[in-house]
Amino acid sequence: MDEKYIIECINGPCYANVIPIQEVIWAHKTVTQVNAVIKTNTSLILHYANHKGGTISISETAVDYILQQFMEKHREIVVGYNREVEKLYLKGDMAGLKEYARQQRTGTPAD
């Protein structure tokens, strides 16, 4: 990850998934577990304004690092999952998502 892209290597150095950070409007983590105890997979879920996006299966530490970078350096990206954000995203309410991201960073509600 750098300031503009997240690059996921797939099957060695010959193939890569390049994700432009400026396209991301919402990002969150998902953890797959067996019997609600054993973690089997951690993924970073990325959503774009055009309702496309992607999933990157990486370590939980790497996912947490990327989400923290989004919180600190990419203040327009909503970080974390909840139903309110999902509803805004599914409605295509980009202004609502930007306002949610602002509130998430400042902790203050809209005027």
C-alpha atoms as a PDB file:
ATOM      1  CA  MET A   1       0.000   0.000   0.000  1.00  0.00           C
ATOM      2  CA  ASP A   2       1.178   3.501  -0.781  1.00  0.00           C
ATOM      3  CA  GLU A   3      -0.580   6.878  -0.927  1.00  0.00           C
ATOM      4  CA  LYS A   4      -2.449   6.044  -4.143  1.00  0.00           C
ATOM      5  CA  TYR A   5      -2.792   2.261  -4.492  1.00  0.00           C
ATOM      6  CA  ILE A   6      -3.238  -1.010  -2.691  1.00  0.00           C
ATOM      7  CA  ILE A   7      -1.446  -3.763  -4.587  1.00  0.00           C
ATOM      8  CA  GLU A   8      -2.264  -7.385  -3.900  1.00  0.00           C
ATOM      9  CA  CYS A   9       0.097  -9.962  -5.394  1.00  0.00           C
ATOM     10  CA  ILE A  10      -1.737 -12.977  -6.764  1.00  0.00           C
ATOM     11  CA  ASN A  11       0.145 -16.224  -7.419  1.00  0.00           C
ATOM     12  CA  GLY A  12       3.589 -14.689  -7.183  1.00  0.00           C
ATOM     13  CA  PRO A  13       5.055 -11.556  -8.737  1.00  0.00           C
ATOM     14  CA  CYS A  14       3.498 -11.988 -12.200  1.00  0.00           C
ATOM     15  CA  TYR A  15      -0.123 -11.139 -11.336  1.00  0.00           C
ATOM     16  CA  ALA A  16      -1.431  -8.312  -9.200  1.00  0.00           C
ATOM     17  CA  ASN A  17      -4.713  -6.708  -8.224  1.00  0.00           C
ATOM     18  CA  VAL A  18      -4.166  -2.929  -8.240  1.00  0.00           C
ATOM     19  CA  ILE A  19      -6.770  -0.934  -6.335  1.00  0.00           C
ATOM     20  CA  PRO A  20      -6.758   2.861  -6.691  1.00  0.00           C
ATOM     21  CA  ILE A  21      -7.459   4.322  -3.264  1.00  0.00           C
ATOM     22  CA  GLN A  22      -9.219   7.377  -4.738  1.00  0.00           C
ATOM     23  CA  GLU A  23     -11.995   5.027  -5.943  1.00  0.00           C
ATOM     24  CA  VAL A  24     -12.683   3.618  -2.454  1.00  0.00           C
ATOM     25  CA  ILE A  25     -15.568   5.183  -0.538  1.00  0.00           C
ATOM     26  CA  TRP A  26     -16.124   2.506   2.129  1.00  0.00           C
ATOM     27  CA  ALA A  27     -13.835  -0.127   3.598  1.00  0.00           C
ATOM     28  CA  HIS A  28     -14.300  -2.727   6.297  1.00  0.00           C
ATOM     29  CA  LYS A  29     -12.967  -6.002   7.613  1.00  0.00           C
ATOM     30  CA  THR A  30     -14.599  -9.385   7.556  1.00  0.00           C
ATOM     31  CA  VAL A  31     -13.440 -12.446   9.474  1.00  0.00           C
ATOM     32  CA  THR A  32     -14.554 -15.961   8.579  1.00  0.00           C
ATOM     33  CA  GLN A  33     -14.684 -18.396  11.481  1.00  0.00           C
ATOM     34  CA  VAL A  34     -15.437 -22.075  11.981  1.00  0.00           C
ATOM     35  CA  ASN A  35     -17.799 -22.836  14.861  1.00  0.00           C
ATOM     36  CA  ALA A  36     -17.529 -19.160  15.898  1.00  0.00           C
ATOM     37  CA  VAL A  37     -14.113 -19.916  17.421  1.00  0.00           C
ATOM     38  CA  ILE A  38     -11.404 -20.654  14.858  1.00  0.00           C
ATOM     39  CA  LYS A  39     -10.530 -17.853  12.420  1.00  0.00           C
ATOM     40  CA  THR A  40     -10.032 -19.212   8.928  1.00  0.00           C
ATOM     41  CA  ASN A  41      -9.812 -16.068   6.819  1.00  0.00           C
ATOM     42  CA  THR A  42      -9.581 -12.299   7.178  1.00  0.00           C
ATOM     43  CA  SER A  43     -10.443 -10.018   4.287  1.00  0.00           C
ATOM     44  CA  LEU A  44     -10.459  -6.337   3.498  1.00  0.00           C
ATOM     45  CA  ILE A  45     -13.703  -5.403   1.740  1.00  0.00           C
ATOM     46  CA  LEU A  46     -13.542  -2.305  -0.476  1.00  0.00           C
ATOM     47  CA  HIS A  47     -16.565  -0.552  -1.993  1.00  0.00           C
ATOM     48  CA  TYR A  48     -16.471   1.969  -4.851  1.00  0.00           C
ATOM     49  CA  ALA A  49     -19.017   4.645  -5.774  1.00  0.00           C
ATOM     50  CA  ASN A  50     -19.970   2.652  -8.895  1.00  0.00           C
ATOM     51  CA  HIS A  51     -21.055  -0.259  -6.641  1.00  0.00           C
ATOM     52  CA  LYS A  52     -18.069  -2.316  -7.638  1.00  0.00           C
ATOM     53  CA  GLY A  53     -15.224  -3.122  -5.363  1.00  0.00           C
ATOM     54  CA  GLY A  54     -13.133  -5.950  -4.221  1.00  0.00           C
ATOM     55  CA  THR A  55     -12.008  -8.273  -1.519  1.00  0.00           C
ATOM     56  CA  ILE A  56      -8.413  -8.801  -0.492  1.00  0.00           C
ATOM     57  CA  SER A  57      -7.634 -11.842   1.660  1.00  0.00           C
ATOM     58  CA  ILE A  58      -4.669 -10.868   3.822  1.00  0.00           C
ATOM     59  CA  SER A  59      -3.632 -11.143   7.450  1.00  0.00           C
ATOM     60  CA  GLU A  60      -5.764  -9.488  10.088  1.00  0.00           C
ATOM     61  CA  THR A  61      -2.788  -7.339  11.062  1.00  0.00           C
ATOM     62  CA  ALA A  62      -2.478  -6.067   7.468  1.00  0.00           C
ATOM     63  CA  VAL A  63      -6.227  -5.357   7.264  1.00  0.00           C
ATOM     64  CA  ASP A  64      -6.123  -3.428  10.537  1.00  0.00           C
ATOM     65  CA  TYR A  65      -3.099  -1.447   9.314  1.00  0.00           C
ATOM     66  CA  ILE A  66      -4.804  -0.473   6.044  1.00  0.00           C
ATOM     67  CA  LEU A  67      -8.005   0.554   7.824  1.00  0.00           C
ATOM     68  CA  GLN A  68      -5.969   2.653  10.265  1.00  0.00           C
ATOM     69  CA  GLN A  69      -4.188   4.327   7.327  1.00  0.00           C
ATOM     70  CA  PHE A  70      -7.578   5.110   5.789  1.00  0.00           C
ATOM     71  CA  MET A  71      -8.715   6.693   9.069  1.00  0.00           C
ATOM     72  CA  GLU A  72      -5.575   8.811   9.318  1.00  0.00           C
ATOM     73  CA  LYS A  73      -4.758   9.723   5.719  1.00  0.00           C
ATOM     74  CA  HIS A  74      -7.873   9.208   3.609  1.00  0.00           C
ATOM     75  CA  ARG A  75     -10.499  11.058   5.571  1.00  0.00           C
ATOM     76  CA  GLU A  76     -13.204  10.770   2.897  1.00  0.00           C
ATOM     77  CA  ILE A  77     -13.361   6.957   3.203  1.00  0.00           C
ATOM     78  CA  VAL A  78     -15.884   5.458   5.619  1.00  0.00           C
ATOM     79  CA  VAL A  79     -14.139   2.815   7.735  1.00  0.00           C
ATOM     80  CA  GLY A  80     -15.994  -0.040   9.396  1.00  0.00           C
ATOM     81  CA  TYR A  81     -19.241  -1.877   8.868  1.00  0.00           C
ATOM     82  CA  ASN A  82     -22.681  -1.080  10.189  1.00  0.00           C
ATOM     83  CA  ARG A  83     -26.197  -1.180   8.742  1.00  0.00           C
ATOM     84  CA  GLU A  84     -26.516   2.612   8.514  1.00  0.00           C
ATOM     85  CA  VAL A  85     -23.470   2.796   6.224  1.00  0.00           C
ATOM     86  CA  GLU A  86     -24.692  -0.178   4.204  1.00  0.00           C
ATOM     87  CA  LYS A  87     -28.064   1.539   3.632  1.00  0.00           C
ATOM     88  CA  LEU A  88     -26.382   4.777   2.523  1.00  0.00           C
ATOM     89  CA  TYR A  89     -24.153   2.823   0.144  1.00  0.00           C
ATOM     90  CA  LEU A  90     -26.971   0.743  -1.347  1.00  0.00           C
ATOM     91  CA  LYS A  91     -29.036   3.918  -1.931  1.00  0.00           C
ATOM     92  CA  GLY A  92     -26.057   5.518  -3.672  1.00  0.00           C
ATOM     93  CA  ASP A  93     -26.073   8.369  -1.156  1.00  0.00           C
ATOM     94  CA  MET A  94     -22.504   9.600  -1.664  1.00  0.00           C
ATOM     95  CA  ALA A  95     -23.179  12.871   0.183  1.00  0.00           C
ATOM     96  CA  GLY A  96     -24.476  10.863   3.145  1.00  0.00           C
ATOM     97  CA  LEU A  97     -21.373   8.659   3.107  1.00  0.00           C
ATOM     98  CA  LYS A  98     -19.068  11.682   3.002  1.00  0.00           C
ATOM     99  CA  GLU A  99     -20.944  13.213   5.921  1.00  0.00           C
ATOM    100  CA  TYR A 100     -20.722   9.919   7.818  1.00  0.00           C
ATOM    101  CA  ALA A 101     -16.935   9.840   7.200  1.00  0.00           C
ATOM    102  CA  ARG A 102     -16.652  13.437   8.472  1.00  0.00           C
ATOM    103  CA  GLN A 103     -18.608  12.599  11.609  1.00  0.00           C
ATOM    104  CA  GLN A 104     -16.557   9.436  12.095  1.00  0.00           C
ATOM    105  CA  ARG A 105     -13.349  11.505  12.191  1.00  0.00           C
ATOM    106  CA  THR A 106     -14.609  14.442  14.231  1.00  0.00           C
ATOM    107  CA  GLY A 107     -17.185  12.775  16.430  1.00  0.00           C
ATOM    108  CA  THR A 108     -19.616  15.632  15.772  1.00  0.00           C
ATOM    109  CA  PRO A 109     -23.055  15.341  14.176  1.00  0.00           C
ATOM    110  CA  ALA A 110     -24.105  17.420  11.166  1.00  0.00           C
ATOM    111  CA  ASP A 111     -25.492  20.929  11.769  1.00  0.00           C
END
